[in-house]
Amino acid sequence: MRWKCPKCGGTELEVKVEVLAKLIQYVGDDGEGTFETDIRSGDHEWDSNSAMVCLADGCEHVAPAGEFDTEDK
């Protein structure tokens, strides 16, 4: 596996991704607004600076994704 926790070696990981979503705004007669988002595609981005967390029991190590990358190590 390329991606492993640097603390425990676990490979069950989550990464924070960025995605563009359409902002939908509803404004009522009272001036109060309701806001929703609509994700139009599955496109998303993340890089070596994105937050990554290890989901292994008892670990929960959080660090930039680059610290979990085992390629070239």
N, C-alpha and C. Protein backbone atom coordinates (compact mmCIF):
# COMPACT_ATOMS: atom_id res chain seq x y z
N MET A 1 0.84 -1.19 0.00
CA MET A 1 0.00 0.00 0.00
C MET A 1 0.88 1.25 0.00
N ARG A 2 0.47 2.24 -0.75
CA ARG A 2 1.23 3.48 -0.81
C ARG A 2 0.97 4.36 0.41
N TRP A 3 -0.26 4.38 0.92
CA TRP A 3 -0.66 5.28 2.00
C TRP A 3 -0.79 4.49 3.30
N LYS A 4 0.02 4.85 4.29
CA LYS A 4 0.00 4.19 5.60
C LYS A 4 0.18 5.23 6.69
N CYS A 5 -0.39 4.95 7.84
CA CYS A 5 -0.23 5.83 8.99
C CYS A 5 1.23 5.79 9.46
N PRO A 6 1.86 6.95 9.62
CA PRO A 6 3.25 6.96 10.09
C PRO A 6 3.38 6.58 11.56
N LYS A 7 2.28 6.58 12.29
CA LYS A 7 2.31 6.26 13.72
C LYS A 7 2.13 4.76 13.97
N CYS A 8 1.09 4.15 13.32
CA CYS A 8 0.79 2.74 13.61
C CYS A 8 0.90 1.83 12.39
N GLY A 9 1.05 2.39 11.19
CA GLY A 9 1.13 1.57 9.98
C GLY A 9 -0.22 1.18 9.41
N GLY A 10 -1.31 1.69 10.01
CA GLY A 10 -2.65 1.37 9.54
C GLY A 10 -2.91 1.91 8.15
N THR A 11 -3.80 1.22 7.42
CA THR A 11 -4.13 1.64 6.06
C THR A 11 -5.60 2.05 5.92
N GLU A 12 -6.36 2.02 7.00
CA GLU A 12 -7.74 2.48 6.97
C GLU A 12 -7.71 3.98 7.28
N LEU A 13 -7.82 4.80 6.23
CA LEU A 13 -7.58 6.23 6.34
C LEU A 13 -8.74 7.04 5.76
N GLU A 14 -8.86 8.28 6.22
CA GLU A 14 -9.77 9.25 5.62
C GLU A 14 -8.94 10.46 5.24
N VAL A 15 -9.35 11.13 4.15
CA VAL A 15 -8.65 12.33 3.70
C VAL A 15 -9.69 13.43 3.46
N LYS A 16 -9.36 14.63 3.85
CA LYS A 16 -10.24 15.77 3.63
C LYS A 16 -10.10 16.21 2.18
N VAL A 17 -11.23 16.30 1.48
CA VAL A 17 -11.23 16.68 0.07
C VAL A 17 -11.95 18.00 -0.13
N GLU A 18 -11.64 18.66 -1.24
CA GLU A 18 -12.34 19.87 -1.63
C GLU A 18 -13.18 19.56 -2.85
N VAL A 19 -14.40 20.10 -2.86
CA VAL A 19 -15.31 19.87 -3.98
C VAL A 19 -16.08 21.16 -4.23
N LEU A 20 -16.37 21.45 -5.48
CA LEU A 20 -17.20 22.60 -5.81
C LEU A 20 -18.67 22.17 -5.79
N ALA A 21 -19.51 23.01 -5.22
CA ALA A 21 -20.93 22.73 -5.16
C ALA A 21 -21.70 23.99 -5.51
N LYS A 22 -22.84 23.80 -6.16
CA LYS A 22 -23.72 24.92 -6.49
C LYS A 22 -24.39 25.39 -5.19
N LEU A 23 -24.37 26.70 -4.94
CA LEU A 23 -25.03 27.27 -3.78
C LEU A 23 -26.45 27.66 -4.18
N ILE A 24 -27.43 27.11 -3.48
CA ILE A 24 -28.84 27.39 -3.74
C ILE A 24 -29.35 28.24 -2.59
N GLN A 25 -29.93 29.40 -2.92
CA GLN A 25 -30.38 30.33 -1.89
C GLN A 25 -31.88 30.59 -2.05
N TYR A 26 -32.60 30.46 -0.97
CA TYR A 26 -34.01 30.77 -0.92
C TYR A 26 -34.22 31.88 0.10
N VAL A 27 -34.89 32.94 -0.29
CA VAL A 27 -35.19 34.02 0.64
C VAL A 27 -36.70 34.17 0.72
N GLY A 28 -37.23 34.04 1.94
CA GLY A 28 -38.66 34.13 2.15
C GLY A 28 -39.14 35.58 2.22
N ASP A 29 -40.45 35.74 2.34
CA ASP A 29 -41.05 37.07 2.45
C ASP A 29 -40.56 37.83 3.68
N ASP A 30 -40.16 37.08 4.70
CA ASP A 30 -39.68 37.72 5.93
C ASP A 30 -38.21 38.12 5.85
N GLY A 31 -37.59 37.85 4.70
CA GLY A 31 -36.18 38.21 4.51
C GLY A 31 -35.20 37.17 5.02
N GLU A 32 -35.74 36.14 5.68
CA GLU A 32 -34.87 35.07 6.18
C GLU A 32 -34.48 34.16 5.02
N GLY A 33 -33.24 33.70 5.04
CA GLY A 33 -32.76 32.86 3.95
C GLY A 33 -32.52 31.43 4.37
N THR A 34 -32.64 30.55 3.42
CA THR A 34 -32.28 29.16 3.56
C THR A 34 -31.24 28.87 2.49
N PHE A 35 -30.20 28.16 2.87
CA PHE A 35 -29.11 27.90 1.95
C PHE A 35 -28.83 26.41 1.89
N GLU A 36 -28.63 25.93 0.69
CA GLU A 36 -28.32 24.52 0.46
C GLU A 36 -27.18 24.44 -0.54
N THR A 37 -26.56 23.29 -0.62
CA THR A 37 -25.55 23.05 -1.64
C THR A 37 -25.94 21.81 -2.44
N ASP A 38 -25.56 21.82 -3.70
CA ASP A 38 -25.85 20.71 -4.61
C ASP A 38 -24.54 20.34 -5.30
N ILE A 39 -24.02 19.17 -4.97
CA ILE A 39 -22.79 18.69 -5.60
C ILE A 39 -23.18 18.07 -6.93
N ARG A 40 -22.71 18.67 -8.01
CA ARG A 40 -23.13 18.27 -9.35
C ARG A 40 -22.34 17.09 -9.90
N SER A 41 -21.12 16.91 -9.44
CA SER A 41 -20.31 15.80 -9.95
C SER A 41 -19.51 15.21 -8.80
N GLY A 42 -18.89 14.11 -9.06
CA GLY A 42 -18.07 13.47 -8.04
C GLY A 42 -16.64 13.99 -8.03
N ASP A 43 -16.36 15.01 -8.87
CA ASP A 43 -15.00 15.53 -8.93
C ASP A 43 -14.61 16.16 -7.59
N HIS A 44 -13.44 15.84 -7.14
CA HIS A 44 -12.92 16.41 -5.90
C HIS A 44 -11.40 16.43 -5.97
N GLU A 45 -10.80 17.20 -5.08
CA GLU A 45 -9.34 17.33 -5.09
C GLU A 45 -8.79 17.18 -3.67
N TRP A 46 -7.58 16.67 -3.60
CA TRP A 46 -6.81 16.68 -2.38
C TRP A 46 -5.35 16.57 -2.75
N ASP A 47 -4.47 16.99 -1.86
CA ASP A 47 -3.04 16.93 -2.14
C ASP A 47 -2.28 16.59 -0.85
N SER A 48 -0.98 16.71 -0.90
CA SER A 48 -0.15 16.30 0.24
C SER A 48 -0.35 17.18 1.47
N ASN A 49 -1.01 18.33 1.31
CA ASN A 49 -1.29 19.20 2.46
C ASN A 49 -2.68 18.97 3.05
N SER A 50 -3.50 18.12 2.41
CA SER A 50 -4.84 17.84 2.90
C SER A 50 -4.76 17.03 4.19
N ALA A 51 -5.68 17.30 5.10
CA ALA A 51 -5.70 16.56 6.37
C ALA A 51 -6.04 15.10 6.12
N MET A 52 -5.32 14.20 6.79
CA MET A 52 -5.60 12.77 6.71
C MET A 52 -5.65 12.24 8.14
N VAL A 53 -6.54 11.29 8.37
CA VAL A 53 -6.68 10.70 9.70
C VAL A 53 -6.68 9.19 9.59
N CYS A 54 -6.02 8.56 10.54
CA CYS A 54 -5.97 7.10 10.62
C CYS A 54 -7.19 6.63 11.40
N LEU A 55 -7.91 5.66 10.86
CA LEU A 55 -9.11 5.13 11.50
C LEU A 55 -8.86 3.85 12.29
N ALA A 56 -7.61 3.44 12.41
CA ALA A 56 -7.29 2.23 13.17
C ALA A 56 -7.68 2.42 14.63
N ASP A 57 -8.18 1.35 15.24
CA ASP A 57 -8.60 1.41 16.64
C ASP A 57 -7.50 1.96 17.53
N GLY A 58 -7.82 3.00 18.26
CA GLY A 58 -6.88 3.56 19.22
C GLY A 58 -5.84 4.48 18.64
N CYS A 59 -5.79 4.67 17.35
CA CYS A 59 -4.75 5.52 16.76
C CYS A 59 -5.25 6.94 16.55
N GLU A 60 -6.11 7.12 15.56
CA GLU A 60 -6.68 8.42 15.23
C GLU A 60 -5.63 9.51 14.97
N HIS A 61 -4.48 9.12 14.45
CA HIS A 61 -3.42 10.08 14.12
C HIS A 61 -3.89 10.99 12.99
N VAL A 62 -3.70 12.30 13.16
CA VAL A 62 -4.08 13.28 12.16
C VAL A 62 -2.84 14.06 11.75
N ALA A 63 -2.63 14.20 10.43
CA ALA A 63 -1.47 14.92 9.91
C ALA A 63 -1.73 15.21 8.44
N PRO A 64 -0.89 16.06 7.83
CA PRO A 64 -1.01 16.26 6.38
C PRO A 64 -0.81 14.94 5.64
N ALA A 65 -1.54 14.76 4.54
CA ALA A 65 -1.48 13.51 3.78
C ALA A 65 -0.06 13.13 3.38
N GLY A 66 0.78 14.13 3.12
CA GLY A 66 2.15 13.84 2.73
C GLY A 66 2.91 13.00 3.74
N GLU A 67 2.54 13.09 5.01
CA GLU A 67 3.19 12.28 6.04
C GLU A 67 2.76 10.83 5.99
N PHE A 68 1.64 10.52 5.32
CA PHE A 68 1.14 9.16 5.19
C PHE A 68 1.64 8.48 3.91
N ASP A 69 2.26 9.24 3.02
CA ASP A 69 2.70 8.74 1.71
C ASP A 69 3.99 7.96 1.87
N THR A 70 3.96 6.68 1.52
CA THR A 70 5.14 5.82 1.66
C THR A 70 5.98 5.75 0.40
N GLU A 71 5.49 6.33 -0.70
CA GLU A 71 6.26 6.31 -1.95
C GLU A 71 7.54 7.12 -1.76
N ASP A 72 8.63 6.64 -2.28
CA ASP A 72 9.95 7.28 -2.18
C ASP A 72 10.49 7.29 -0.76
N LYS A 73 9.99 6.41 0.10
CA LYS A 73 10.52 6.31 1.49
C LYS A 73 11.18 4.99 1.69
